[in-house]
């Protein structure tokens, strides 16, 4: 009788041990499956606009922290060209106005040299706001597109001289480049060399005015 009772206890312990082993095995499998499932949601550090970044703002090491901040997001939710290193866009500027909170990608930024690639014989021309016969329609800033008109001295009517002109940079009264074009009083623009002569003639005569494209 005692022997049977002893064998029963051994069997009970054996089943208990087997249950523990099975439970450990199930736990290990579930842990592995959980890791596999979570691998699709690994975190990745990317850059997000912390404030509005106006079109034409040149990104450099001094202002990068003013415009963007690191954010950790699920790796499966971001595009391939997401911005992970601000060094990739140093010296570049946004093609469009970027709103605060926007996930930044490298293709949102470009260099002014890219604009001149599509031109036959590009030249960099400059003018002062005071050289224009009329006030600029809207505030100019780097990256803007403008149309330049010349006023006919006899009829007083305006005719377009240069269209879709790229504003390369704005400068303050001391000649320093500015990111905020509200303080800019001088501007550099890209023109075809064939347009330069008539452009400067218009400046000398005071017949030019500029219209900003929206």
N, C-alpha and C. Protein backbone atom coordinates (compact mmCIF):
# COMPACT_ATOMS: atom_id res chain seq x y z
N UNK A 1 0.83 -1.20 0.00
CA UNK A 1 0.00 0.00 0.00
C UNK A 1 0.87 1.26 0.00
N UNK A 2 1.88 1.24 0.85
CA UNK A 2 2.80 2.35 0.91
C UNK A 2 3.54 2.53 -0.41
N UNK A 3 3.87 1.40 -1.04
CA UNK A 3 4.58 1.46 -2.32
C UNK A 3 3.74 2.10 -3.40
N UNK A 4 2.45 1.74 -3.43
CA UNK A 4 1.55 2.33 -4.43
C UNK A 4 1.40 3.84 -4.21
N UNK A 5 1.30 4.21 -2.90
CA UNK A 5 1.17 5.63 -2.58
C UNK A 5 2.42 6.39 -3.00
N UNK A 6 3.58 5.77 -2.79
CA UNK A 6 4.85 6.40 -3.17
C UNK A 6 4.95 6.56 -4.67
N UNK A 7 4.51 5.52 -5.42
CA UNK A 7 4.54 5.61 -6.89
C UNK A 7 3.59 6.69 -7.39
N UNK A 8 2.44 6.84 -6.71
CA UNK A 8 1.48 7.86 -7.10
C UNK A 8 2.05 9.26 -6.90
N UNK A 9 2.79 9.44 -5.80
CA UNK A 9 3.40 10.74 -5.56
C UNK A 9 4.47 11.06 -6.61
N UNK A 10 5.24 10.00 -6.98
CA UNK A 10 6.26 10.20 -8.01
C UNK A 10 5.62 10.60 -9.33
N UNK A 11 4.52 9.93 -9.66
CA UNK A 11 3.82 10.25 -10.92
C UNK A 11 3.30 11.68 -10.90
N UNK A 12 2.79 12.08 -9.68
CA UNK A 12 2.27 13.44 -9.55
C UNK A 12 3.39 14.46 -9.74
N UNK A 13 4.56 14.19 -9.12
CA UNK A 13 5.70 15.09 -9.27
C UNK A 13 6.19 15.13 -10.72
N UNK A 14 6.13 13.95 -11.37
CA UNK A 14 6.56 13.90 -12.76
C UNK A 14 5.67 14.73 -13.66
N UNK A 15 4.35 14.62 -13.43
CA UNK A 15 3.42 15.42 -14.22
C UNK A 15 3.62 16.92 -13.96
N UNK A 16 3.87 17.23 -12.68
CA UNK A 16 4.10 18.64 -12.32
C UNK A 16 5.35 19.19 -13.01
N UNK A 17 6.42 18.34 -13.01
CA UNK A 17 7.66 18.75 -13.65
C UNK A 17 7.47 18.90 -15.15
N UNK A 18 6.71 17.98 -15.73
CA UNK A 18 6.45 18.04 -17.18
C UNK A 18 5.64 19.29 -17.52
N UNK A 19 4.70 19.63 -16.62
CA UNK A 19 3.89 20.83 -16.85
C UNK A 19 4.75 22.09 -16.81
N UNK A 20 5.72 22.10 -15.86
CA UNK A 20 6.61 23.25 -15.78
C UNK A 20 7.45 23.40 -17.04
N UNK A 21 7.96 22.24 -17.51
CA UNK A 21 8.77 22.27 -18.73
C UNK A 21 7.94 22.76 -19.91
N UNK A 22 6.69 22.26 -19.98
CA UNK A 22 5.82 22.67 -21.09
C UNK A 22 5.48 24.15 -21.00
N UNK A 23 5.21 24.61 -19.77
CA UNK A 23 4.90 26.02 -19.59
C UNK A 23 6.08 26.90 -19.97
N UNK A 24 7.29 26.45 -19.58
CA UNK A 24 8.50 27.20 -19.94
C UNK A 24 8.67 27.23 -21.45
N UNK A 25 8.38 26.12 -22.09
CA UNK A 25 8.49 26.06 -23.55
C UNK A 25 7.50 26.99 -24.22
N UNK A 26 6.25 26.99 -23.73
CA UNK A 26 5.23 27.87 -24.29
C UNK A 26 5.61 29.33 -24.09
N UNK A 27 6.13 29.65 -22.89
CA UNK A 27 6.55 31.02 -22.59
C UNK A 27 7.66 31.47 -23.53
N UNK A 28 8.63 30.55 -23.78
CA UNK A 28 9.75 30.88 -24.67
C UNK A 28 9.25 31.14 -26.08
N UNK A 29 8.31 30.30 -26.54
CA UNK A 29 7.76 30.47 -27.89
C UNK A 29 7.00 31.78 -28.00
N UNK A 30 6.19 32.08 -26.97
CA UNK A 30 5.42 33.34 -26.99
C UNK A 30 6.33 34.56 -26.97
N UNK A 31 7.40 34.46 -26.15
CA UNK A 31 8.37 35.57 -26.10
C UNK A 31 9.02 35.80 -27.45
N UNK A 32 9.39 34.70 -28.10
CA UNK A 32 10.02 34.79 -29.43
C UNK A 32 9.05 35.41 -30.44
N UNK A 33 7.81 34.94 -30.42
CA UNK A 33 6.81 35.47 -31.35
C UNK A 33 6.54 36.94 -31.09
N UNK A 34 6.56 37.33 -29.80
CA UNK A 34 6.35 38.73 -29.46
C UNK A 34 7.48 39.61 -29.99
N UNK A 35 8.71 39.11 -29.86
CA UNK A 35 9.85 39.84 -30.38
C UNK A 35 9.76 39.98 -31.89
N UNK A 36 9.35 38.91 -32.56
CA UNK A 36 9.21 38.96 -34.01
C UNK A 36 8.14 39.97 -34.41
N UNK A 37 7.04 39.97 -33.64
CA UNK A 37 5.95 40.90 -33.96
C UNK A 37 6.38 42.34 -33.73
N UNK A 38 7.14 42.58 -32.65
CA UNK A 38 7.57 43.93 -32.33
C UNK A 38 8.68 44.43 -33.22
N UNK A 39 9.36 43.51 -33.93
CA UNK A 39 10.46 43.92 -34.80
C UNK A 39 9.99 44.84 -35.92
N UNK A 40 8.69 44.67 -36.28
CA UNK A 40 8.13 45.54 -37.32
C UNK A 40 7.89 46.95 -36.78
N UNK A 41 7.96 47.12 -35.47
CA UNK A 41 7.70 48.42 -34.86
C UNK A 41 8.90 48.93 -34.10
N UNK A 42 10.07 48.63 -34.60
CA UNK A 42 11.29 49.14 -33.99
C UNK A 42 11.32 50.66 -34.10
N UNK A 43 11.88 51.29 -33.11
CA UNK A 43 11.95 52.74 -33.09
C UNK A 43 13.15 53.24 -33.89
N UNK A 44 12.98 54.40 -34.50
CA UNK A 44 14.05 55.02 -35.26
C UNK A 44 14.03 56.52 -35.03
N UNK A 45 15.19 57.09 -34.83
CA UNK A 45 15.29 58.53 -34.59
C UNK A 45 15.29 59.29 -35.92
N UNK A 46 14.34 60.19 -36.06
CA UNK A 46 14.23 60.99 -37.28
C UNK A 46 14.07 62.46 -36.87
N UNK A 47 14.02 63.36 -37.84
CA UNK A 47 13.89 64.78 -37.54
C UNK A 47 12.53 65.31 -37.97
N UNK A 48 11.96 66.12 -37.09
CA UNK A 48 10.65 66.73 -37.31
C UNK A 48 10.80 68.25 -37.15
N UNK A 49 10.06 69.00 -37.94
CA UNK A 49 10.11 70.46 -37.84
C UNK A 49 9.51 70.90 -36.51
N UNK A 50 10.30 71.61 -35.70
CA UNK A 50 9.81 72.06 -34.40
C UNK A 50 9.11 73.41 -34.52
N UNK A 51 9.34 74.09 -35.63
CA UNK A 51 8.67 75.36 -35.94
C UNK A 51 8.54 75.46 -37.45
N UNK A 52 7.80 76.44 -37.93
CA UNK A 52 7.67 76.62 -39.38
C UNK A 52 9.04 76.92 -39.99
N UNK A 53 9.31 76.31 -41.14
CA UNK A 53 10.56 76.57 -41.87
C UNK A 53 10.19 77.22 -43.20
N UNK A 54 10.36 78.52 -43.33
CA UNK A 54 9.98 79.20 -44.57
C UNK A 54 10.80 78.71 -45.77
N UNK A 55 10.17 78.65 -46.90
CA UNK A 55 10.86 78.32 -48.14
C UNK A 55 12.04 79.25 -48.34
N UNK A 56 13.18 78.67 -48.73
CA UNK A 56 14.37 79.47 -48.99
C UNK A 56 15.27 79.63 -47.79
N UNK A 57 14.84 79.22 -46.59
CA UNK A 57 15.70 79.32 -45.41
C UNK A 57 16.88 78.37 -45.55
N UNK A 58 18.08 78.90 -45.50
CA UNK A 58 19.27 78.07 -45.64
C UNK A 58 19.58 77.41 -44.29
N UNK A 59 19.64 76.10 -44.27
CA UNK A 59 19.92 75.35 -43.04
C UNK A 59 21.43 75.27 -42.82
N UNK A 60 21.87 75.65 -41.64
CA UNK A 60 23.30 75.54 -41.31
C UNK A 60 23.44 75.05 -39.88
N UNK A 61 24.68 74.88 -39.44
CA UNK A 61 24.92 74.30 -38.11
C UNK A 61 24.45 75.23 -36.99
N UNK A 62 24.30 76.50 -37.29
CA UNK A 62 23.89 77.46 -36.28
C UNK A 62 22.38 77.48 -36.05
N UNK A 63 21.60 77.22 -37.10
CA UNK A 63 20.15 77.34 -36.95
C UNK A 63 19.40 76.01 -37.00
N UNK A 64 20.11 74.92 -37.24
CA UNK A 64 19.42 73.63 -37.40
C UNK A 64 18.59 73.28 -36.18
N UNK A 65 19.10 73.56 -34.97
CA UNK A 65 18.36 73.21 -33.75
C UNK A 65 17.16 74.13 -33.53
N UNK A 66 17.13 75.27 -34.21
CA UNK A 66 16.00 76.18 -34.09
C UNK A 66 14.81 75.68 -34.90
N UNK A 67 15.09 74.91 -35.94
CA UNK A 67 14.03 74.51 -36.87
C UNK A 67 13.59 73.06 -36.75
N UNK A 68 14.43 72.19 -36.20
CA UNK A 68 14.07 70.76 -36.16
C UNK A 68 14.54 70.09 -34.90
N UNK A 69 13.87 68.98 -34.57
CA UNK A 69 14.18 68.26 -33.34
C UNK A 69 14.09 66.75 -33.63
N UNK A 70 14.85 65.96 -32.87
CA UNK A 70 14.82 64.51 -33.02
C UNK A 70 13.55 63.95 -32.39
N UNK A 71 12.96 62.98 -33.08
CA UNK A 71 11.79 62.29 -32.55
C UNK A 71 11.92 60.80 -32.84
N UNK A 72 11.58 59.97 -31.88
CA UNK A 72 11.65 58.52 -32.04
C UNK A 72 10.28 58.00 -32.47
N UNK A 73 10.24 57.34 -33.63
CA UNK A 73 8.97 56.85 -34.19
C UNK A 73 9.14 55.40 -34.65
N UNK A 74 8.00 54.75 -34.93
CA UNK A 74 8.05 53.38 -35.43
C UNK A 74 8.72 53.34 -36.80
N UNK A 75 9.70 52.45 -36.93
CA UNK A 75 10.48 52.38 -38.17
C UNK A 75 9.61 52.03 -39.38
N UNK A 76 8.55 51.29 -39.15
CA UNK A 76 7.70 50.90 -40.27
C UNK A 76 6.78 51.98 -40.77
N UNK A 77 6.79 53.14 -40.11
CA UNK A 77 5.85 54.22 -40.47
C UNK A 77 6.52 55.39 -41.17
N UNK A 78 7.78 55.24 -41.55
CA UNK A 78 8.50 56.38 -42.12
C UNK A 78 8.96 56.08 -43.55
N UNK A 79 9.04 57.11 -44.40
CA UNK A 79 9.49 56.90 -45.78
C UNK A 79 10.98 56.64 -45.85
N UNK A 80 11.44 56.14 -47.00
CA UNK A 80 12.84 55.77 -47.17
C UNK A 80 13.77 56.98 -47.11
N UNK A 81 13.30 58.14 -47.58
CA UNK A 81 14.18 59.31 -47.65
C UNK A 81 14.01 60.23 -46.45
N UNK A 82 13.53 59.68 -45.33
CA UNK A 82 13.34 60.49 -44.12
C UNK A 82 14.69 61.07 -43.67
N UNK A 83 14.65 62.26 -43.09
CA UNK A 83 15.87 62.92 -42.66
C UNK A 83 16.32 62.35 -41.31
N UNK A 84 17.48 61.70 -41.31
CA UNK A 84 18.05 61.13 -40.08
C UNK A 84 19.32 61.85 -39.65
N UNK A 85 19.90 62.62 -40.55
CA UNK A 85 21.14 63.34 -40.24
C UNK A 85 21.04 64.74 -40.83
N UNK A 86 20.98 65.78 -39.99
CA UNK A 86 20.85 67.15 -40.51
C UNK A 86 22.03 67.57 -41.38
N UNK A 87 23.15 66.85 -41.26
CA UNK A 87 24.29 67.16 -42.11
C UNK A 87 23.98 66.94 -43.58
N UNK A 88 22.97 66.10 -43.85
CA UNK A 88 22.59 65.82 -45.24
C UNK A 88 21.96 67.02 -45.93
N UNK A 89 21.44 67.98 -45.15
CA UNK A 89 20.77 69.14 -45.77
C UNK A 89 21.46 70.45 -45.38
N UNK A 90 22.64 70.38 -44.78
CA UNK A 90 23.36 71.61 -44.45
C UNK A 90 23.70 72.38 -45.73
N UNK A 91 23.36 73.65 -45.77
CA UNK A 91 23.58 74.47 -46.95
C UNK A 91 22.43 74.44 -47.93
N UNK A 92 21.40 73.63 -47.63
CA UNK A 92 20.23 73.54 -48.51
C UNK A 92 19.08 74.33 -47.90
N UNK A 93 18.01 74.48 -48.68
CA UNK A 93 16.83 75.21 -48.20
C UNK A 93 15.56 74.52 -48.69
N UNK A 94 14.43 74.70 -47.98
CA UNK A 94 13.19 74.04 -48.37
C UNK A 94 12.67 74.52 -49.72
N UNK A 95 12.11 73.58 -50.47
CA UNK A 95 11.47 73.92 -51.75
C UNK A 95 10.13 74.61 -51.51
N UNK A 96 9.51 74.29 -50.37
CA UNK A 96 8.19 74.83 -50.03
C UNK A 96 8.22 75.28 -48.57
N UNK A 97 7.20 76.02 -48.14
CA UNK A 97 7.07 76.34 -46.73
C UNK A 97 6.74 75.06 -45.97
N UNK A 98 7.48 74.78 -44.91
CA UNK A 98 7.27 73.57 -44.11
C UNK A 98 6.64 73.97 -42.78
N UNK A 99 5.55 73.32 -42.44
CA UNK A 99 4.84 73.64 -41.20
C UNK A 99 5.42 72.88 -40.01
N UNK A 100 5.28 73.47 -38.83
CA UNK A 100 5.75 72.82 -37.60
C UNK A 100 5.07 71.46 -37.44
N UNK A 101 5.84 70.47 -37.00
CA UNK A 101 5.30 69.13 -36.79
C UNK A 101 5.46 68.21 -37.99
N UNK A 102 5.93 68.76 -39.12
CA UNK A 102 6.09 67.96 -40.34
C UNK A 102 7.29 67.02 -40.22
N UNK A 103 7.09 65.75 -40.57
CA UNK A 103 8.19 64.80 -40.65
C UNK A 103 9.04 65.19 -41.85
N UNK A 104 10.33 65.42 -41.64
CA UNK A 104 11.19 65.97 -42.69
C UNK A 104 11.81 64.87 -43.54
N UNK A 105 11.84 65.10 -44.84
CA UNK A 105 12.52 64.21 -45.77
C UNK A 105 13.55 64.99 -46.56
N UNK A 106 14.54 64.28 -47.05
CA UNK A 106 15.65 64.95 -47.75
C UNK A 106 15.18 65.64 -49.03
N UNK A 107 14.16 65.07 -49.69
CA UNK A 107 13.73 65.66 -50.97
C UNK A 107 12.92 66.94 -50.80
N UNK A 108 12.70 67.37 -49.54
CA UNK A 108 12.04 68.66 -49.31
C UNK A 108 13.01 69.82 -49.47
N UNK A 109 14.31 69.51 -49.54
CA UNK A 109 15.33 70.55 -49.56
C UNK A 109 16.14 70.50 -50.85
N UNK A 110 16.62 71.66 -51.27
CA UNK A 110 17.40 71.73 -52.49
C UNK A 110 18.45 72.83 -52.37
N UNK A 111 19.37 72.83 -53.31
CA UNK A 111 20.40 73.87 -53.37
C UNK A 111 20.04 74.85 -54.48
N UNK A 112 20.45 76.10 -54.29
CA UNK A 112 20.18 77.10 -55.33
C UNK A 112 20.87 76.73 -56.63
N UNK A 113 21.97 75.95 -56.53
CA UNK A 113 22.67 75.53 -57.74
C UNK A 113 21.79 74.64 -58.61
N UNK A 114 20.85 73.94 -57.98
CA UNK A 114 19.94 73.07 -58.72
C UNK A 114 19.08 73.88 -59.66
N UNK A 115 18.71 75.08 -59.24
CA UNK A 115 17.87 75.94 -60.07
C UNK A 115 18.59 76.32 -61.36
N UNK A 116 19.88 76.63 -61.25
CA UNK A 116 20.63 77.10 -62.41
C UNK A 116 20.94 75.99 -63.41
N UNK A 117 20.77 74.72 -63.01
CA UNK A 117 21.07 73.61 -63.91
C UNK A 117 20.16 73.62 -65.14
N UNK A 118 18.94 74.10 -64.96
CA UNK A 118 18.00 74.11 -66.08
C UNK A 118 18.12 75.34 -66.95
N UNK A 119 19.10 76.20 -66.69
CA UNK A 119 19.29 77.43 -67.46
C UNK A 119 20.45 77.26 -68.43
N UNK A 120 20.38 77.95 -69.55
CA UNK A 120 21.42 77.84 -70.58
C UNK A 120 22.71 78.53 -70.15
N UNK A 121 22.61 79.81 -69.83
CA UNK A 121 23.79 80.58 -69.40
C UNK A 121 23.40 81.43 -68.18
N UNK A 122 23.29 80.80 -67.01
CA UNK A 122 22.82 81.53 -65.83
C UNK A 122 23.84 82.53 -65.31
N UNK A 123 23.33 83.66 -64.84
CA UNK A 123 24.17 84.66 -64.16
C UNK A 123 23.43 85.06 -62.89
N UNK A 124 24.20 85.53 -61.91
CA UNK A 124 23.62 85.98 -60.65
C UNK A 124 23.58 87.50 -60.68
N UNK A 125 22.39 88.07 -60.68
CA UNK A 125 22.21 89.52 -60.72
C UNK A 125 21.65 89.99 -59.38
N UNK A 126 21.82 91.27 -59.10
CA UNK A 126 21.34 91.81 -57.83
C UNK A 126 20.62 93.12 -57.99
N UNK A 127 19.76 93.41 -57.03
CA UNK A 127 19.08 94.70 -57.03
C UNK A 127 18.70 95.08 -55.60
N UNK A 128 18.49 96.38 -55.40
CA UNK A 128 18.01 96.88 -54.11
C UNK A 128 16.51 97.15 -54.24
N UNK A 129 15.82 97.04 -53.12
CA UNK A 129 14.38 97.32 -53.13
C UNK A 129 14.12 98.77 -53.56
N UNK A 130 15.06 99.66 -53.23
CA UNK A 130 14.92 101.08 -53.59
C UNK A 130 15.05 101.31 -55.09
N UNK A 131 15.64 100.33 -55.82
CA UNK A 131 15.82 100.48 -57.26
C UNK A 131 14.53 100.27 -58.03
N UNK A 132 13.53 99.70 -57.37
CA UNK A 132 12.27 99.39 -58.05
C UNK A 132 11.36 100.61 -58.09
N UNK A 133 10.60 100.71 -59.17
CA UNK A 133 9.70 101.86 -59.32
C UNK A 133 8.44 101.71 -58.48
N UNK A 134 8.12 100.47 -58.10
CA UNK A 134 6.95 100.22 -57.27
C UNK A 134 7.33 99.25 -56.16
N UNK A 135 6.56 99.29 -55.09
CA UNK A 135 6.82 98.38 -53.96
C UNK A 135 6.59 96.94 -54.40
N UNK A 136 7.37 96.06 -53.82
CA UNK A 136 7.24 94.63 -54.14
C UNK A 136 5.88 94.13 -53.68
N UNK A 137 5.25 93.32 -54.53
CA UNK A 137 3.95 92.76 -54.18
C UNK A 137 4.15 91.58 -53.24
N UNK A 138 4.21 91.87 -51.94
CA UNK A 138 4.49 90.83 -50.96
C UNK A 138 5.94 90.90 -50.53
N UNK A 139 6.27 90.29 -49.41
CA UNK A 139 7.63 90.29 -48.89
C UNK A 139 8.46 89.24 -49.60
N UNK A 140 9.62 89.64 -50.11
CA UNK A 140 10.49 88.70 -50.81
C UNK A 140 11.41 87.98 -49.84
N UNK A 141 11.72 86.73 -50.16
CA UNK A 141 12.68 85.98 -49.37
C UNK A 141 13.34 84.95 -50.27
N UNK A 142 14.43 84.39 -49.82
CA UNK A 142 15.16 83.40 -50.61
C UNK A 142 14.24 82.24 -50.97
N UNK A 143 14.34 81.80 -52.23
CA UNK A 143 13.52 80.71 -52.70
C UNK A 143 12.25 81.12 -53.39
N UNK A 144 11.89 82.42 -53.29
CA UNK A 144 10.68 82.91 -53.96
C UNK A 144 10.88 82.93 -55.47
N UNK A 145 9.77 82.88 -56.17
CA UNK A 145 9.76 83.05 -57.63
C UNK A 145 9.06 84.37 -57.94
N UNK A 146 9.65 85.15 -58.82
CA UNK A 146 9.10 86.47 -59.13
C UNK A 146 9.04 86.69 -60.64
N UNK A 147 8.18 87.62 -61.04
CA UNK A 147 8.15 88.13 -62.42
C UNK A 147 8.63 89.57 -62.36
N UNK A 148 9.47 89.95 -63.33
CA UNK A 148 10.01 91.30 -63.38
C UNK A 148 9.40 92.04 -64.56
N UNK A 149 8.82 93.19 -64.28
CA UNK A 149 8.16 94.00 -65.31
C UNK A 149 8.92 95.30 -65.52
N UNK A 150 8.79 95.82 -66.71
CA UNK A 150 9.36 97.12 -67.05
C UNK A 150 8.22 98.05 -67.47
N UNK A 151 8.21 99.26 -66.91
CA UNK A 151 7.16 100.22 -67.23
C UNK A 151 7.55 101.05 -68.45
N UNK A 152 6.68 101.07 -69.44
CA UNK A 152 6.94 101.85 -70.65
C UNK A 152 6.90 103.35 -70.32
N UNK A 153 7.93 104.07 -70.73
CA UNK A 153 8.04 105.49 -70.37
C UNK A 153 6.95 106.34 -71.02
N UNK A 154 6.43 105.93 -72.16
CA UNK A 154 5.42 106.72 -72.87
C UNK A 154 4.00 106.38 -72.44
N UNK A 155 3.69 105.09 -72.52
CA UNK A 155 2.32 104.67 -72.20
C UNK A 155 2.10 104.44 -70.72
N UNK A 156 3.19 104.17 -70.00
CA UNK A 156 3.05 103.88 -68.57
C UNK A 156 2.62 102.46 -68.29
N UNK A 157 2.44 101.68 -69.35
CA UNK A 157 2.02 100.29 -69.18
C UNK A 157 3.23 99.40 -68.89
N UNK A 158 2.98 98.34 -68.20
CA UNK A 158 4.05 97.42 -67.86
C UNK A 158 4.12 96.23 -68.81
N UNK A 159 5.32 95.84 -69.14
CA UNK A 159 5.50 94.64 -69.95
C UNK A 159 6.49 93.73 -69.23
N UNK A 160 6.24 92.45 -69.35
CA UNK A 160 7.08 91.51 -68.61
C UNK A 160 8.47 91.44 -69.22
N UNK A 161 9.48 91.52 -68.38
CA UNK A 161 10.87 91.48 -68.82
C UNK A 161 11.47 90.10 -68.58
N UNK A 162 11.23 89.55 -67.39
CA UNK A 162 11.72 88.21 -67.03
C UNK A 162 10.65 87.52 -66.20
N UNK A 163 10.38 86.27 -66.51
CA UNK A 163 9.34 85.55 -65.77
C UNK A 163 9.94 84.36 -65.01
N UNK A 164 9.26 84.02 -63.93
CA UNK A 164 9.63 82.86 -63.10
C UNK A 164 11.11 82.92 -62.68
N UNK A 165 11.50 84.06 -62.14
CA UNK A 165 12.89 84.29 -61.71
C UNK A 165 13.05 83.81 -60.26
N UNK A 166 14.16 83.12 -59.99
CA UNK A 166 14.43 82.56 -58.67
C UNK A 166 15.22 83.54 -57.81
N UNK A 167 14.71 83.83 -56.61
CA UNK A 167 15.42 84.70 -55.66
C UNK A 167 16.41 83.84 -54.90
N UNK A 168 17.69 84.09 -55.13
CA UNK A 168 18.74 83.24 -54.53
C UNK A 168 18.98 83.56 -53.07
N UNK A 169 19.00 84.84 -52.69
CA UNK A 169 19.28 85.22 -51.31
C UNK A 169 18.90 86.67 -51.07
N UNK A 170 18.57 86.98 -49.81
CA UNK A 170 18.29 88.35 -49.42
C UNK A 170 19.37 88.84 -48.46
N UNK A 171 19.63 90.15 -48.47
CA UNK A 171 20.69 90.73 -47.63
C UNK A 171 20.16 91.96 -46.91
N UNK A 172 20.74 92.22 -45.74
CA UNK A 172 20.35 93.43 -45.01
C UNK A 172 21.18 94.62 -45.50
N UNK A 173 21.00 95.76 -44.88
CA UNK A 173 21.66 96.99 -45.33
C UNK A 173 23.18 96.92 -45.21
N UNK A 174 23.68 96.03 -44.36
CA UNK A 174 25.13 95.88 -44.18
C UNK A 174 25.73 94.85 -45.12
N UNK A 175 24.86 94.22 -45.94
CA UNK A 175 25.35 93.22 -46.88
C UNK A 175 25.43 91.82 -46.32
N UNK A 176 24.83 91.61 -45.14
CA UNK A 176 24.83 90.28 -44.54
C UNK A 176 23.61 89.49 -45.00
N UNK A 177 23.83 88.22 -45.35
CA UNK A 177 22.72 87.37 -45.77
C UNK A 177 21.77 87.17 -44.61
N UNK A 178 20.49 87.21 -44.88
CA UNK A 178 19.48 87.05 -43.84
C UNK A 178 18.54 85.91 -44.20
N UNK A 179 18.08 85.19 -43.16
CA UNK A 179 17.11 84.12 -43.36
C UNK A 179 15.70 84.68 -43.37
N UNK A 180 15.47 85.70 -42.58
CA UNK A 180 14.16 86.33 -42.51
C UNK A 180 14.12 87.50 -43.49
N UNK A 181 13.42 87.32 -44.60
CA UNK A 181 13.45 88.32 -45.68
C UNK A 181 12.76 89.62 -45.30
N UNK A 182 12.09 89.69 -44.16
CA UNK A 182 11.46 90.95 -43.77
C UNK A 182 12.51 92.03 -43.52
N UNK A 183 13.75 91.60 -43.24
CA UNK A 183 14.82 92.56 -42.98
C UNK A 183 15.69 92.78 -44.20
N UNK A 184 15.41 92.07 -45.29
CA UNK A 184 16.25 92.16 -46.48
C UNK A 184 15.91 93.40 -47.30
N UNK A 185 16.96 94.06 -47.78
CA UNK A 185 16.78 95.25 -48.62
C UNK A 185 17.47 95.07 -49.97
N UNK A 186 18.28 94.03 -50.08
CA UNK A 186 18.96 93.72 -51.34
C UNK A 186 18.76 92.24 -51.65
N UNK A 187 18.72 91.93 -52.95
CA UNK A 187 18.43 90.56 -53.35
C UNK A 187 19.31 90.12 -54.52
N UNK A 188 19.65 88.85 -54.53
CA UNK A 188 20.31 88.24 -55.68
C UNK A 188 19.31 87.34 -56.38
N UNK A 189 19.35 87.36 -57.70
CA UNK A 189 18.43 86.54 -58.49
C UNK A 189 19.20 85.86 -59.62
N UNK A 190 18.66 84.73 -60.09
CA UNK A 190 19.24 84.04 -61.24
C UNK A 190 18.55 84.51 -62.52
N UNK A 191 19.36 84.95 -63.48
CA UNK A 191 18.86 85.35 -64.80
C UNK A 191 19.66 84.65 -65.89
N UNK A 192 19.05 84.53 -67.05
CA UNK A 192 19.82 84.13 -68.22
C UNK A 192 20.71 85.32 -68.60
N UNK A 193 21.90 85.06 -69.07
CA UNK A 193 22.82 86.14 -69.42
C UNK A 193 22.22 87.08 -70.47
N UNK A 194 21.36 86.54 -71.34
CA UNK A 194 20.73 87.36 -72.38
C UNK A 194 19.75 88.37 -71.80
N UNK A 195 19.31 88.15 -70.55
CA UNK A 195 18.36 89.06 -69.91
C UNK A 195 19.04 90.13 -69.07
N UNK A 196 20.32 89.92 -68.76
CA UNK A 196 21.02 90.77 -67.81
C UNK A 196 21.09 92.23 -68.27
N UNK A 197 21.39 92.46 -69.55
CA UNK A 197 21.56 93.82 -70.05
C UNK A 197 20.28 94.64 -69.91
N UNK A 198 19.17 94.08 -70.37
CA UNK A 198 17.90 94.81 -70.28
C UNK A 198 17.45 94.96 -68.83
N UNK A 199 17.82 93.99 -67.99
CA UNK A 199 17.48 94.08 -66.57
C UNK A 199 18.19 95.28 -65.93
N UNK A 200 19.49 95.42 -66.16
CA UNK A 200 20.24 96.51 -65.56
C UNK A 200 19.88 97.87 -66.19
N UNK A 201 19.50 97.86 -67.45
CA UNK A 201 19.03 99.10 -68.07
C UNK A 201 17.75 99.58 -67.37
N UNK A 202 16.89 98.60 -67.07
CA UNK A 202 15.65 98.93 -66.38
C UNK A 202 15.90 99.46 -64.97
N UNK A 203 16.90 98.89 -64.31
CA UNK A 203 17.26 99.37 -62.97
C UNK A 203 17.76 100.80 -63.01
N UNK A 204 18.62 101.09 -64.01
CA UNK A 204 19.18 102.44 -64.14
C UNK A 204 18.10 103.48 -64.43
N UNK A 205 17.12 103.09 -65.21
CA UNK A 205 16.05 104.03 -65.57
C UNK A 205 14.95 104.08 -64.50
N UNK A 206 15.00 103.17 -63.55
CA UNK A 206 13.98 103.15 -62.50
C UNK A 206 12.62 102.69 -62.97
N UNK A 207 12.61 101.88 -64.03
CA UNK A 207 11.32 101.48 -64.62
C UNK A 207 10.89 100.06 -64.21
N UNK A 208 11.67 99.39 -63.39
CA UNK A 208 11.37 98.00 -63.07
C UNK A 208 10.50 97.88 -61.81
N UNK A 209 9.63 96.88 -61.82
CA UNK A 209 8.94 96.48 -60.59
C UNK A 209 8.79 94.95 -60.61
N UNK A 210 8.61 94.42 -59.44
CA UNK A 210 8.63 92.97 -59.25
C UNK A 210 7.28 92.51 -58.69
N UNK A 211 6.79 91.40 -59.22
CA UNK A 211 5.57 90.77 -58.69
C UNK A 211 5.94 89.37 -58.20
N UNK A 212 5.58 89.11 -56.97
CA UNK A 212 5.89 87.82 -56.36
C UNK A 212 4.85 86.79 -56.77
N UNK A 213 5.34 85.62 -57.21
CA UNK A 213 4.42 84.53 -57.55
C UNK A 213 3.97 83.82 -56.27
N UNK A 214 2.71 83.39 -56.24
CA UNK A 214 2.18 82.67 -55.06
C UNK A 214 2.51 81.18 -55.17
